[in-house]
N, C-alpha and C. Protein backbone atom coordinates (compact mmCIF):
# COMPACT_ATOMS: atom_id res chain seq x y z
N MET A 1 40.08 -95.71 -60.94
CA MET A 1 38.71 -96.08 -60.58
C MET A 1 38.67 -96.46 -59.10
N LEU A 2 37.82 -95.83 -58.33
CA LEU A 2 37.73 -96.11 -56.90
C LEU A 2 36.90 -97.35 -56.67
N SER A 3 37.34 -98.16 -55.69
CA SER A 3 36.55 -99.31 -55.28
C SER A 3 35.37 -98.85 -54.45
N THR A 4 34.48 -99.80 -54.12
CA THR A 4 33.29 -99.43 -53.33
C THR A 4 33.68 -98.91 -51.96
N ASN A 5 34.63 -99.58 -51.31
CA ASN A 5 35.07 -99.16 -49.97
C ASN A 5 35.74 -97.80 -50.01
N GLU A 6 36.58 -97.59 -51.05
CA GLU A 6 37.25 -96.30 -51.18
C GLU A 6 36.24 -95.19 -51.44
N GLY A 7 35.22 -95.48 -52.24
CA GLY A 7 34.19 -94.48 -52.51
C GLY A 7 33.41 -94.13 -51.27
N GLU A 8 33.10 -95.13 -50.44
CA GLU A 8 32.37 -94.86 -49.20
C GLU A 8 33.23 -94.05 -48.24
N THR A 9 34.54 -94.37 -48.18
CA THR A 9 35.45 -93.60 -47.31
C THR A 9 35.53 -92.15 -47.77
N PHE A 10 35.62 -91.95 -49.10
CA PHE A 10 35.68 -90.59 -49.63
C PHE A 10 34.40 -89.82 -49.29
N THR A 11 33.25 -90.50 -49.38
CA THR A 11 31.98 -89.84 -49.06
C THR A 11 31.92 -89.46 -47.59
N ARG A 12 32.35 -90.39 -46.72
CA ARG A 12 32.33 -90.09 -45.28
C ARG A 12 33.27 -88.93 -44.95
N ASP A 13 34.44 -88.91 -45.56
CA ASP A 13 35.39 -87.82 -45.31
C ASP A 13 34.82 -86.48 -45.77
N ALA A 14 34.15 -86.49 -46.91
CA ALA A 14 33.54 -85.25 -47.42
C ALA A 14 32.46 -84.74 -46.47
N ILE A 15 31.66 -85.67 -45.95
CA ILE A 15 30.60 -85.28 -45.02
C ILE A 15 31.20 -84.76 -43.73
N HIS A 16 32.27 -85.43 -43.24
CA HIS A 16 32.94 -84.96 -42.02
C HIS A 16 33.49 -83.54 -42.22
N ASN A 17 34.06 -83.27 -43.38
CA ASN A 17 34.58 -81.92 -43.65
C ASN A 17 33.46 -80.89 -43.67
N GLU A 18 32.35 -81.25 -44.29
CA GLU A 18 31.21 -80.32 -44.30
C GLU A 18 30.69 -80.07 -42.89
N LEU A 19 30.66 -81.13 -42.08
CA LEU A 19 30.21 -80.98 -40.70
C LEU A 19 31.15 -80.06 -39.92
N ASP A 20 32.45 -80.23 -40.12
CA ASP A 20 33.42 -79.37 -39.42
C ASP A 20 33.21 -77.91 -39.80
N GLU A 21 33.00 -77.65 -41.09
CA GLU A 21 32.78 -76.28 -41.54
C GLU A 21 31.48 -75.71 -40.97
N ALA A 22 30.45 -76.54 -40.95
CA ALA A 22 29.15 -76.08 -40.42
C ALA A 22 29.25 -75.77 -38.93
N TYR A 23 29.93 -76.62 -38.17
CA TYR A 23 30.09 -76.37 -36.74
C TYR A 23 30.93 -75.12 -36.49
N ALA A 24 31.98 -74.92 -37.30
CA ALA A 24 32.81 -73.72 -37.14
C ALA A 24 32.00 -72.45 -37.42
N SER A 25 31.17 -72.50 -38.46
CA SER A 25 30.33 -71.34 -38.77
C SER A 25 29.31 -71.09 -37.66
N LEU A 26 28.75 -72.18 -37.11
CA LEU A 26 27.77 -72.05 -36.04
C LEU A 26 28.40 -71.42 -34.79
N LEU A 27 29.61 -71.85 -34.46
CA LEU A 27 30.30 -71.28 -33.31
C LEU A 27 30.62 -69.80 -33.54
N ALA A 28 31.01 -69.46 -34.77
CA ALA A 28 31.30 -68.06 -35.09
C ALA A 28 30.06 -67.19 -34.95
N LEU A 29 28.93 -67.66 -35.50
CA LEU A 29 27.68 -66.92 -35.39
C LEU A 29 27.23 -66.80 -33.94
N THR A 30 27.46 -67.85 -33.17
CA THR A 30 27.09 -67.80 -31.75
C THR A 30 27.90 -66.74 -31.03
N GLU A 31 29.17 -66.63 -31.35
CA GLU A 31 30.00 -65.59 -30.73
C GLU A 31 29.52 -64.20 -31.12
N PHE A 32 29.22 -64.02 -32.41
CA PHE A 32 28.70 -62.73 -32.85
C PHE A 32 27.38 -62.41 -32.16
N TYR A 33 26.51 -63.43 -32.04
CA TYR A 33 25.20 -63.24 -31.42
C TYR A 33 25.35 -62.80 -29.97
N LEU A 34 26.20 -63.48 -29.22
CA LEU A 34 26.38 -63.14 -27.81
C LEU A 34 26.99 -61.75 -27.64
N THR A 35 27.93 -61.41 -28.50
CA THR A 35 28.56 -60.09 -28.43
C THR A 35 27.54 -58.99 -28.69
N ASP A 36 26.72 -59.16 -29.74
CA ASP A 36 25.73 -58.14 -30.07
C ASP A 36 24.60 -58.11 -29.04
N HIS A 37 24.29 -59.26 -28.44
CA HIS A 37 23.26 -59.27 -27.40
C HIS A 37 23.73 -58.48 -26.18
N THR A 38 25.00 -58.60 -25.84
CA THR A 38 25.55 -57.82 -24.73
C THR A 38 25.51 -56.33 -25.05
N ARG A 39 25.83 -55.99 -26.30
CA ARG A 39 25.80 -54.59 -26.72
C ARG A 39 24.37 -54.05 -26.69
N LEU A 40 23.40 -54.87 -27.14
CA LEU A 40 22.00 -54.45 -27.10
C LEU A 40 21.55 -54.17 -25.68
N THR A 41 21.92 -55.04 -24.75
CA THR A 41 21.55 -54.83 -23.35
C THR A 41 22.09 -53.51 -22.82
N ALA A 42 23.35 -53.21 -23.16
CA ALA A 42 23.96 -51.96 -22.70
C ALA A 42 23.27 -50.74 -23.32
N HIS A 43 22.94 -50.83 -24.61
CA HIS A 43 22.29 -49.71 -25.28
C HIS A 43 20.91 -49.43 -24.69
N LEU A 44 20.12 -50.48 -24.50
CA LEU A 44 18.77 -50.28 -23.97
C LEU A 44 18.81 -49.83 -22.51
N LYS A 45 19.75 -50.34 -21.75
CA LYS A 45 19.88 -49.91 -20.35
C LYS A 45 20.16 -48.42 -20.27
N THR A 46 21.10 -47.95 -21.10
CA THR A 46 21.42 -46.52 -21.11
C THR A 46 20.23 -45.70 -21.58
N ALA A 47 19.54 -46.18 -22.62
CA ALA A 47 18.41 -45.45 -23.17
C ALA A 47 17.30 -45.29 -22.12
N TYR A 48 16.96 -46.37 -21.43
CA TYR A 48 15.88 -46.31 -20.44
C TYR A 48 16.28 -45.46 -19.23
N LEU A 49 17.54 -45.51 -18.84
CA LEU A 49 17.98 -44.67 -17.72
C LEU A 49 17.91 -43.20 -18.08
N ASP A 50 18.35 -42.86 -19.29
CA ASP A 50 18.28 -41.46 -19.72
C ASP A 50 16.83 -41.00 -19.84
N PHE A 51 15.97 -41.88 -20.35
CA PHE A 51 14.56 -41.52 -20.49
C PHE A 51 13.92 -41.32 -19.12
N ALA A 52 14.24 -42.20 -18.18
CA ALA A 52 13.70 -42.06 -16.83
C ALA A 52 14.19 -40.78 -16.17
N HIS A 53 15.43 -40.42 -16.43
CA HIS A 53 15.96 -39.17 -15.87
C HIS A 53 15.20 -37.97 -16.43
N CYS A 54 14.89 -38.00 -17.72
CA CYS A 54 14.15 -36.90 -18.33
C CYS A 54 12.74 -36.79 -17.75
N LYS A 55 12.09 -37.91 -17.51
CA LYS A 55 10.76 -37.87 -16.91
C LYS A 55 10.82 -37.31 -15.50
N TYR A 56 11.90 -37.58 -14.81
CA TYR A 56 12.05 -37.05 -13.45
C TYR A 56 12.26 -35.54 -13.49
N VAL A 57 13.07 -35.07 -14.46
CA VAL A 57 13.36 -33.64 -14.57
C VAL A 57 12.15 -32.86 -15.08
N LEU A 58 11.50 -33.37 -16.11
CA LEU A 58 10.39 -32.64 -16.73
C LEU A 58 9.06 -32.87 -16.03
N GLY A 59 8.97 -33.96 -15.28
CA GLY A 59 7.69 -34.31 -14.66
C GLY A 59 7.02 -35.44 -15.42
N PRO A 60 6.29 -36.29 -14.75
CA PRO A 60 5.69 -37.46 -15.41
C PRO A 60 4.66 -37.14 -16.47
N SER A 61 4.12 -35.92 -16.46
CA SER A 61 3.08 -35.58 -17.44
C SER A 61 3.64 -34.99 -18.72
N ARG A 62 4.95 -34.80 -18.80
CA ARG A 62 5.55 -34.17 -19.98
C ARG A 62 5.89 -35.16 -21.08
N LEU A 63 6.23 -36.38 -20.72
CA LEU A 63 6.61 -37.39 -21.71
C LEU A 63 5.59 -38.52 -21.70
N VAL A 64 4.43 -38.23 -22.28
CA VAL A 64 3.34 -39.21 -22.27
C VAL A 64 2.77 -39.35 -23.68
N GLN A 65 1.95 -40.37 -23.85
CA GLN A 65 1.40 -40.68 -25.17
C GLN A 65 0.49 -39.58 -25.69
N SER A 66 -0.13 -38.81 -24.80
CA SER A 66 -1.04 -37.76 -25.23
C SER A 66 -0.33 -36.67 -26.02
N GLN A 67 0.99 -36.61 -25.93
CA GLN A 67 1.73 -35.60 -26.68
C GLN A 67 2.14 -36.09 -28.06
N TYR A 68 1.84 -37.34 -28.39
CA TYR A 68 2.21 -37.85 -29.71
C TYR A 68 1.39 -37.17 -30.80
N ASP A 69 2.03 -36.93 -31.92
CA ASP A 69 1.34 -36.39 -33.08
C ASP A 69 0.51 -37.51 -33.70
N LYS A 70 -0.80 -37.33 -33.77
CA LYS A 70 -1.68 -38.38 -34.28
C LYS A 70 -1.43 -38.68 -35.75
N ARG A 71 -0.74 -37.79 -36.44
CA ARG A 71 -0.44 -38.03 -37.84
C ARG A 71 0.87 -38.77 -38.04
N MET A 72 1.49 -39.15 -36.95
CA MET A 72 2.83 -39.72 -37.04
C MET A 72 2.82 -41.05 -37.79
N ARG A 73 3.92 -41.32 -38.45
CA ARG A 73 4.15 -42.58 -39.14
C ARG A 73 5.49 -43.13 -38.68
N ALA A 74 5.65 -44.43 -38.79
CA ALA A 74 6.90 -45.05 -38.37
C ALA A 74 8.06 -44.52 -39.22
N THR A 75 9.10 -44.06 -38.56
CA THR A 75 10.28 -43.58 -39.29
C THR A 75 11.16 -44.72 -39.75
N VAL A 76 11.00 -45.90 -39.15
CA VAL A 76 11.79 -47.08 -39.53
C VAL A 76 10.86 -48.28 -39.62
N THR A 77 10.96 -49.01 -40.70
CA THR A 77 10.18 -50.24 -40.88
C THR A 77 11.13 -51.38 -41.15
N VAL A 78 10.94 -52.48 -40.45
CA VAL A 78 11.78 -53.66 -40.63
C VAL A 78 10.96 -54.74 -41.32
N ARG A 79 11.49 -55.27 -42.40
CA ARG A 79 10.78 -56.30 -43.15
C ARG A 79 11.70 -57.51 -43.36
N TYR A 80 11.08 -58.67 -43.51
CA TYR A 80 11.83 -59.88 -43.82
C TYR A 80 11.79 -60.13 -45.31
N ASP A 81 12.96 -60.27 -45.91
CA ASP A 81 13.07 -60.52 -47.34
C ASP A 81 13.27 -62.02 -47.57
N PRO A 82 12.27 -62.73 -48.07
CA PRO A 82 12.40 -64.19 -48.26
C PRO A 82 13.50 -64.56 -49.25
N GLU A 83 13.75 -63.70 -50.24
CA GLU A 83 14.74 -64.02 -51.26
C GLU A 83 16.15 -64.06 -50.67
N SER A 84 16.49 -63.07 -49.87
CA SER A 84 17.82 -63.02 -49.27
C SER A 84 17.88 -63.72 -47.93
N GLY A 85 16.70 -64.00 -47.35
CA GLY A 85 16.66 -64.64 -46.04
C GLY A 85 17.17 -63.76 -44.93
N ALA A 86 16.92 -62.44 -45.04
CA ALA A 86 17.44 -61.49 -44.05
C ALA A 86 16.39 -60.44 -43.73
N PHE A 87 16.48 -59.92 -42.51
CA PHE A 87 15.65 -58.79 -42.11
C PHE A 87 16.32 -57.51 -42.60
N ARG A 88 15.52 -56.62 -43.14
CA ARG A 88 16.05 -55.38 -43.70
C ARG A 88 15.22 -54.19 -43.22
N ARG A 89 15.88 -53.05 -43.14
CA ARG A 89 15.15 -51.81 -42.94
C ARG A 89 14.43 -51.44 -44.21
N GLU A 90 13.51 -50.51 -44.11
CA GLU A 90 12.72 -50.12 -45.27
C GLU A 90 13.61 -49.59 -46.39
N SER A 91 14.79 -49.03 -46.01
CA SER A 91 15.70 -48.51 -47.00
C SER A 91 16.35 -49.62 -47.82
N GLY A 92 16.23 -50.87 -47.35
CA GLY A 92 16.78 -51.99 -48.09
C GLY A 92 18.16 -52.40 -47.65
N GLU A 93 18.73 -51.70 -46.67
CA GLU A 93 20.08 -52.03 -46.22
C GLU A 93 20.02 -53.21 -45.26
N THR A 94 20.89 -54.18 -45.48
CA THR A 94 20.93 -55.36 -44.64
C THR A 94 21.84 -55.12 -43.45
N VAL A 95 21.43 -55.58 -42.29
CA VAL A 95 22.22 -55.39 -41.07
C VAL A 95 22.56 -56.75 -40.49
N GLY A 96 23.85 -56.99 -40.30
CA GLY A 96 24.30 -58.16 -39.55
C GLY A 96 24.14 -59.49 -40.26
N VAL A 97 24.33 -59.54 -41.59
CA VAL A 97 24.32 -60.80 -42.31
C VAL A 97 25.75 -61.26 -42.45
N ALA A 98 26.07 -62.40 -41.87
CA ALA A 98 27.43 -62.89 -41.89
C ALA A 98 27.82 -63.29 -43.30
N GLU A 99 29.13 -63.25 -43.58
CA GLU A 99 29.63 -63.61 -44.90
C GLU A 99 29.73 -65.13 -44.98
N ASP A 100 30.43 -65.64 -46.01
CA ASP A 100 30.51 -67.08 -46.20
C ASP A 100 31.25 -67.75 -45.06
N THR A 101 31.25 -69.07 -45.09
CA THR A 101 31.80 -69.84 -43.98
C THR A 101 33.26 -69.52 -43.73
N GLU A 102 34.05 -69.48 -44.81
CA GLU A 102 35.49 -69.24 -44.65
C GLU A 102 35.76 -67.87 -44.07
N SER A 103 35.02 -66.86 -44.56
CA SER A 103 35.23 -65.50 -44.06
C SER A 103 34.83 -65.40 -42.60
N THR A 104 33.70 -66.01 -42.23
CA THR A 104 33.24 -65.95 -40.85
C THR A 104 34.22 -66.63 -39.91
N THR A 105 34.71 -67.82 -40.31
CA THR A 105 35.65 -68.55 -39.47
C THR A 105 36.95 -67.80 -39.32
N ASN A 106 37.44 -67.21 -40.42
CA ASN A 106 38.69 -66.46 -40.35
C ASN A 106 38.56 -65.25 -39.44
N THR A 107 37.39 -64.62 -39.45
CA THR A 107 37.18 -63.47 -38.58
C THR A 107 37.31 -63.85 -37.12
N VAL A 108 36.71 -65.00 -36.75
CA VAL A 108 36.79 -65.46 -35.37
C VAL A 108 38.23 -65.79 -35.00
N ARG A 109 38.95 -66.45 -35.93
CA ARG A 109 40.34 -66.79 -35.65
C ARG A 109 41.19 -65.54 -35.45
N ARG A 110 40.95 -64.50 -36.27
CA ARG A 110 41.70 -63.26 -36.11
C ARG A 110 41.41 -62.62 -34.77
N ARG A 111 40.12 -62.64 -34.36
CA ARG A 111 39.75 -62.06 -33.07
C ARG A 111 40.46 -62.76 -31.93
N ARG A 112 40.46 -64.12 -32.00
CA ARG A 112 41.11 -64.87 -30.92
C ARG A 112 42.60 -64.60 -30.90
N LYS A 113 43.22 -64.54 -32.07
CA LYS A 113 44.65 -64.29 -32.14
C LYS A 113 45.00 -62.91 -31.61
N GLN A 114 44.17 -61.92 -31.95
CA GLN A 114 44.41 -60.56 -31.47
C GLN A 114 44.26 -60.48 -29.96
N ASN A 115 43.27 -61.20 -29.41
CA ASN A 115 43.09 -61.18 -27.97
C ASN A 115 44.26 -61.83 -27.25
N VAL A 116 44.82 -62.91 -27.86
CA VAL A 116 45.96 -63.59 -27.24
C VAL A 116 47.18 -62.68 -27.23
N ASN A 117 47.39 -61.98 -28.34
CA ASN A 117 48.56 -61.10 -28.45
C ASN A 117 48.36 -59.78 -27.73
N GLY A 118 47.13 -59.49 -27.31
CA GLY A 118 46.85 -58.25 -26.61
C GLY A 118 46.78 -57.04 -27.52
N ALA A 119 46.63 -57.29 -28.83
CA ALA A 119 46.62 -56.17 -29.77
C ALA A 119 45.29 -55.47 -29.79
N VAL A 120 44.23 -56.23 -29.60
CA VAL A 120 42.89 -55.65 -29.67
C VAL A 120 42.11 -56.11 -28.46
N ASN A 121 41.35 -55.20 -27.87
CA ASN A 121 40.48 -55.52 -26.75
C ASN A 121 39.07 -55.22 -27.17
N GLU A 122 38.22 -56.27 -27.27
CA GLU A 122 36.86 -56.06 -27.76
C GLU A 122 36.06 -55.15 -26.84
N ALA A 123 36.35 -55.18 -25.54
CA ALA A 123 35.63 -54.30 -24.62
C ALA A 123 35.92 -52.85 -24.94
N ASP A 124 37.20 -52.57 -25.33
CA ASP A 124 37.54 -51.21 -25.70
C ASP A 124 36.80 -50.79 -26.94
N ASP A 125 36.67 -51.75 -27.91
CA ASP A 125 35.92 -51.43 -29.13
C ASP A 125 34.50 -51.04 -28.80
N GLY A 126 33.89 -51.75 -27.85
CA GLY A 126 32.52 -51.42 -27.47
C GLY A 126 32.42 -50.04 -26.88
N ASP A 127 33.44 -49.66 -26.07
CA ASP A 127 33.44 -48.33 -25.49
C ASP A 127 33.54 -47.27 -26.57
N ASP A 128 34.37 -47.56 -27.61
CA ASP A 128 34.50 -46.59 -28.70
C ASP A 128 33.17 -46.42 -29.41
N ASP A 129 32.45 -47.55 -29.62
CA ASP A 129 31.14 -47.44 -30.28
C ASP A 129 30.19 -46.58 -29.46
N ASP A 130 30.20 -46.76 -28.13
CA ASP A 130 29.31 -45.98 -27.28
C ASP A 130 29.69 -44.51 -27.31
N ARG A 131 30.99 -44.21 -27.36
CA ARG A 131 31.39 -42.81 -27.43
C ARG A 131 30.94 -42.19 -28.74
N ASN A 132 31.04 -42.97 -29.84
CA ASN A 132 30.58 -42.46 -31.12
C ASN A 132 29.08 -42.21 -31.10
N LEU A 133 28.33 -43.07 -30.41
CA LEU A 133 26.89 -42.86 -30.30
C LEU A 133 26.61 -41.55 -29.58
N GLY A 134 27.38 -41.30 -28.53
CA GLY A 134 27.18 -40.06 -27.79
C GLY A 134 27.46 -38.84 -28.64
N ASN A 135 28.47 -38.95 -29.52
CA ASN A 135 28.81 -37.82 -30.39
C ASN A 135 27.74 -37.60 -31.44
N GLU A 136 27.05 -38.69 -31.84
CA GLU A 136 26.04 -38.55 -32.86
C GLU A 136 24.71 -38.04 -32.30
N SER A 137 24.59 -38.01 -30.98
CA SER A 137 23.30 -37.65 -30.40
C SER A 137 22.91 -36.22 -30.74
N GLY A 138 23.92 -35.37 -30.97
CA GLY A 138 23.61 -33.99 -31.30
C GLY A 138 23.05 -33.83 -32.69
N ASN A 139 23.20 -34.88 -33.55
CA ASN A 139 22.72 -34.80 -34.92
C ASN A 139 21.40 -35.53 -35.11
N SER A 140 20.75 -35.89 -34.02
CA SER A 140 19.54 -36.71 -34.13
C SER A 140 18.31 -35.87 -34.45
N THR A 141 18.41 -34.57 -34.31
CA THR A 141 17.24 -33.75 -34.57
C THR A 141 17.17 -33.37 -36.03
N GLY A 142 16.05 -32.88 -36.44
CA GLY A 142 15.86 -32.46 -37.82
C GLY A 142 14.39 -32.42 -38.13
N ARG A 143 14.09 -32.17 -39.37
CA ARG A 143 12.70 -32.08 -39.78
C ARG A 143 12.00 -33.42 -39.58
N GLY A 144 10.84 -33.40 -38.93
CA GLY A 144 10.11 -34.63 -38.67
C GLY A 144 10.63 -35.42 -37.50
N ASP A 145 11.55 -34.87 -36.74
CA ASP A 145 12.10 -35.57 -35.58
C ASP A 145 11.04 -35.66 -34.50
N PRO A 146 10.73 -36.85 -34.00
CA PRO A 146 9.71 -36.99 -32.94
C PRO A 146 10.03 -36.19 -31.68
N LEU A 147 11.28 -35.87 -31.43
CA LEU A 147 11.63 -35.11 -30.23
C LEU A 147 10.98 -33.73 -30.21
N THR A 148 10.67 -33.20 -31.38
CA THR A 148 10.06 -31.87 -31.43
C THR A 148 8.63 -31.87 -30.89
N TRP A 149 8.04 -33.06 -30.74
CA TRP A 149 6.69 -33.13 -30.16
C TRP A 149 6.71 -32.71 -28.69
N PHE A 150 7.87 -32.81 -28.08
CA PHE A 150 7.97 -32.53 -26.64
C PHE A 150 8.62 -31.18 -26.36
N GLY A 151 8.72 -30.35 -27.38
CA GLY A 151 9.27 -29.02 -27.21
C GLY A 151 10.49 -28.80 -28.08
N ILE A 152 10.88 -27.53 -28.18
CA ILE A 152 12.03 -27.18 -29.03
C ILE A 152 13.33 -27.47 -28.30
N LEU A 153 13.41 -27.09 -27.03
CA LEU A 153 14.62 -27.29 -26.23
C LEU A 153 14.40 -28.47 -25.29
N VAL A 154 14.58 -29.66 -25.82
CA VAL A 154 14.41 -30.86 -24.99
C VAL A 154 15.72 -31.15 -24.27
N PRO A 155 15.67 -31.87 -23.16
CA PRO A 155 16.89 -32.19 -22.42
C PRO A 155 17.87 -33.00 -23.28
N PRO A 156 19.16 -32.74 -23.13
CA PRO A 156 20.16 -33.49 -23.90
C PRO A 156 20.06 -35.00 -23.70
N ARG A 157 19.68 -35.41 -22.49
CA ARG A 157 19.62 -36.85 -22.23
C ARG A 157 18.44 -37.50 -22.95
N LEU A 158 17.44 -36.71 -23.34
CA LEU A 158 16.36 -37.26 -24.15
C LEU A 158 16.87 -37.55 -25.56
N ARG A 159 17.72 -36.66 -26.07
CA ARG A 159 18.35 -36.91 -27.37
C ARG A 159 19.26 -38.14 -27.31
N THR A 160 19.99 -38.25 -26.21
CA THR A 160 20.87 -39.40 -26.05
C THR A 160 20.06 -40.70 -25.98
N ALA A 161 18.93 -40.65 -25.26
CA ALA A 161 18.07 -41.84 -25.18
C ALA A 161 17.59 -42.24 -26.56
N GLN A 162 17.20 -41.27 -27.36
CA GLN A 162 16.75 -41.57 -28.72
C GLN A 162 17.87 -42.23 -29.53
N THR A 163 19.09 -41.73 -29.39
CA THR A 163 20.21 -42.30 -30.12
C THR A 163 20.46 -43.74 -29.73
N TYR A 164 20.39 -44.03 -28.44
CA TYR A 164 20.65 -45.39 -27.99
C TYR A 164 19.49 -46.33 -28.34
N PHE A 165 18.27 -45.83 -28.37
CA PHE A 165 17.15 -46.66 -28.82
C PHE A 165 17.33 -47.03 -30.30
N LYS A 166 17.80 -46.07 -31.11
CA LYS A 166 18.06 -46.36 -32.51
C LYS A 166 19.16 -47.41 -32.65
N ALA A 167 20.20 -47.26 -31.84
CA ALA A 167 21.28 -48.25 -31.89
C ALA A 167 20.77 -49.62 -31.46
N GLY A 168 19.86 -49.64 -30.49
CA GLY A 168 19.28 -50.91 -30.06
C GLY A 168 18.50 -51.59 -31.18
N LEU A 169 17.83 -50.79 -32.01
CA LEU A 169 17.09 -51.37 -33.13
C LEU A 169 18.05 -52.03 -34.11
N GLU A 170 19.18 -51.38 -34.38
CA GLU A 170 20.18 -51.98 -35.26
C GLU A 170 20.68 -53.29 -34.67
N ASP A 171 20.89 -53.32 -33.37
CA ASP A 171 21.34 -54.55 -32.71
C ASP A 171 20.30 -55.65 -32.87
N MET A 172 19.03 -55.30 -32.72
CA MET A 172 17.96 -56.30 -32.83
C MET A 172 17.90 -56.89 -34.23
N ILE A 173 18.09 -56.07 -35.24
CA ILE A 173 18.07 -56.56 -36.62
C ILE A 173 19.22 -57.53 -36.85
N ARG A 174 20.41 -57.16 -36.35
CA ARG A 174 21.55 -58.07 -36.49
C ARG A 174 21.29 -59.39 -35.78
N LEU A 175 20.74 -59.33 -34.56
CA LEU A 175 20.46 -60.56 -33.81
C LEU A 175 19.46 -61.44 -34.55
N ALA A 176 18.45 -60.82 -35.13
CA ALA A 176 17.44 -61.60 -35.87
C ALA A 176 18.08 -62.28 -37.07
N ASN A 177 18.97 -61.57 -37.77
CA ASN A 177 19.62 -62.17 -38.93
C ASN A 177 20.58 -63.28 -38.53
N TYR A 178 21.29 -63.08 -37.43
CA TYR A 178 22.16 -64.16 -36.93
C TYR A 178 21.34 -65.39 -36.58
N ARG A 179 20.19 -65.18 -35.96
CA ARG A 179 19.36 -66.32 -35.55
C ARG A 179 18.85 -67.09 -36.78
N VAL A 180 18.48 -66.37 -37.83
CA VAL A 180 18.03 -67.03 -39.06
C VAL A 180 19.15 -67.91 -39.61
N GLN A 181 20.36 -67.37 -39.65
CA GLN A 181 21.49 -68.13 -40.18
C GLN A 181 21.83 -69.32 -39.28
N MET A 182 21.72 -69.12 -37.96
CA MET A 182 21.99 -70.23 -37.04
C MET A 182 20.98 -71.35 -37.22
N ASP A 183 19.72 -71.01 -37.41
CA ASP A 183 18.69 -72.04 -37.63
C ASP A 183 18.96 -72.81 -38.92
N GLU A 184 19.40 -72.09 -39.97
CA GLU A 184 19.71 -72.76 -41.23
C GLU A 184 20.88 -73.72 -41.06
N LEU A 185 21.89 -73.29 -40.30
CA LEU A 185 23.04 -74.16 -40.06
C LEU A 185 22.66 -75.40 -39.25
N LEU A 186 21.78 -75.22 -38.27
CA LEU A 186 21.34 -76.36 -37.47
C LEU A 186 20.61 -77.38 -38.34
N LEU A 187 19.79 -76.92 -39.27
CA LEU A 187 19.11 -77.84 -40.19
C LEU A 187 20.12 -78.54 -41.08
N LYS A 188 21.13 -77.79 -41.53
CA LYS A 188 22.17 -78.39 -42.38
C LYS A 188 22.95 -79.45 -41.62
N ILE A 189 23.27 -79.17 -40.36
CA ILE A 189 24.01 -80.13 -39.54
C ILE A 189 23.20 -81.41 -39.34
N GLU A 190 21.91 -81.27 -39.06
CA GLU A 190 21.06 -82.45 -38.89
C GLU A 190 21.02 -83.28 -40.17
N ASP A 191 20.96 -82.60 -41.33
CA ASP A 191 20.94 -83.32 -42.60
C ASP A 191 22.26 -84.04 -42.83
N LEU A 192 23.38 -83.38 -42.52
CA LEU A 192 24.69 -84.01 -42.70
C LEU A 192 24.87 -85.20 -41.77
N LYS A 193 24.37 -85.08 -40.54
CA LYS A 193 24.47 -86.20 -39.60
C LYS A 193 23.63 -87.38 -40.08
N ARG A 194 22.47 -87.09 -40.68
CA ARG A 194 21.65 -88.17 -41.23
C ARG A 194 22.37 -88.85 -42.38
N ARG A 195 22.98 -88.06 -43.29
CA ARG A 195 23.71 -88.63 -44.42
C ARG A 195 24.91 -89.43 -43.97
N LEU A 196 25.57 -88.94 -42.90
CA LEU A 196 26.73 -89.66 -42.37
C LEU A 196 26.30 -91.01 -41.78
N GLY A 197 25.17 -91.02 -41.09
CA GLY A 197 24.68 -92.28 -40.55
C GLY A 197 24.35 -93.28 -41.64
N GLU A 198 23.76 -92.80 -42.75
CA GLU A 198 23.44 -93.69 -43.86
C GLU A 198 24.70 -94.22 -44.53
N ALA A 199 25.74 -93.36 -44.61
CA ALA A 199 26.99 -93.78 -45.26
C ALA A 199 27.73 -94.80 -44.43
N GLU A 200 27.59 -94.72 -43.12
CA GLU A 200 28.31 -95.66 -42.23
C GLU A 200 27.51 -96.92 -41.96
N ALA A 201 26.24 -96.94 -42.40
CA ALA A 201 25.40 -98.12 -42.14
C ALA A 201 25.85 -99.31 -43.00
């Protein structure tokens, strides 16, 4: 049977452990957020540069709103699912929802360990992702592809711009989901700090 003092100490220790886990998860999500934000910036920068190059080659009157198909519908819709607390594409696939606290923390620890040992370079991983995007640009066309509004033989860099804009959308969905989780963790931390103050009073 625990005494009153022992019970209070056990409660404070439990709250401290929860706080440590919450802070570790928050730091992990912050790292993921900053990494994906950097990737989003690179994707949009490339997309806008390629698009500007196409307007220069084709002329400013070739890539304008007047060429849009008035019957067009959004090919991608992003919705917020209150039940899962995540932003999803219309297809229902979730993008960038972190796993549980232990998994998220372990992922960060592995990344740091790999960087120390020189086994993995995250910058190289980003370059590989960009190269894969470039390889996929040739598969971006098809039935209902908006690029066909601007002609059958559009410049390759217009296809590349489309690919990077799509990648940017995926980045934005991940960032939004990370932010939702970060806000939830911040509320949890404030609640734990309040409980800790009451336990120590």
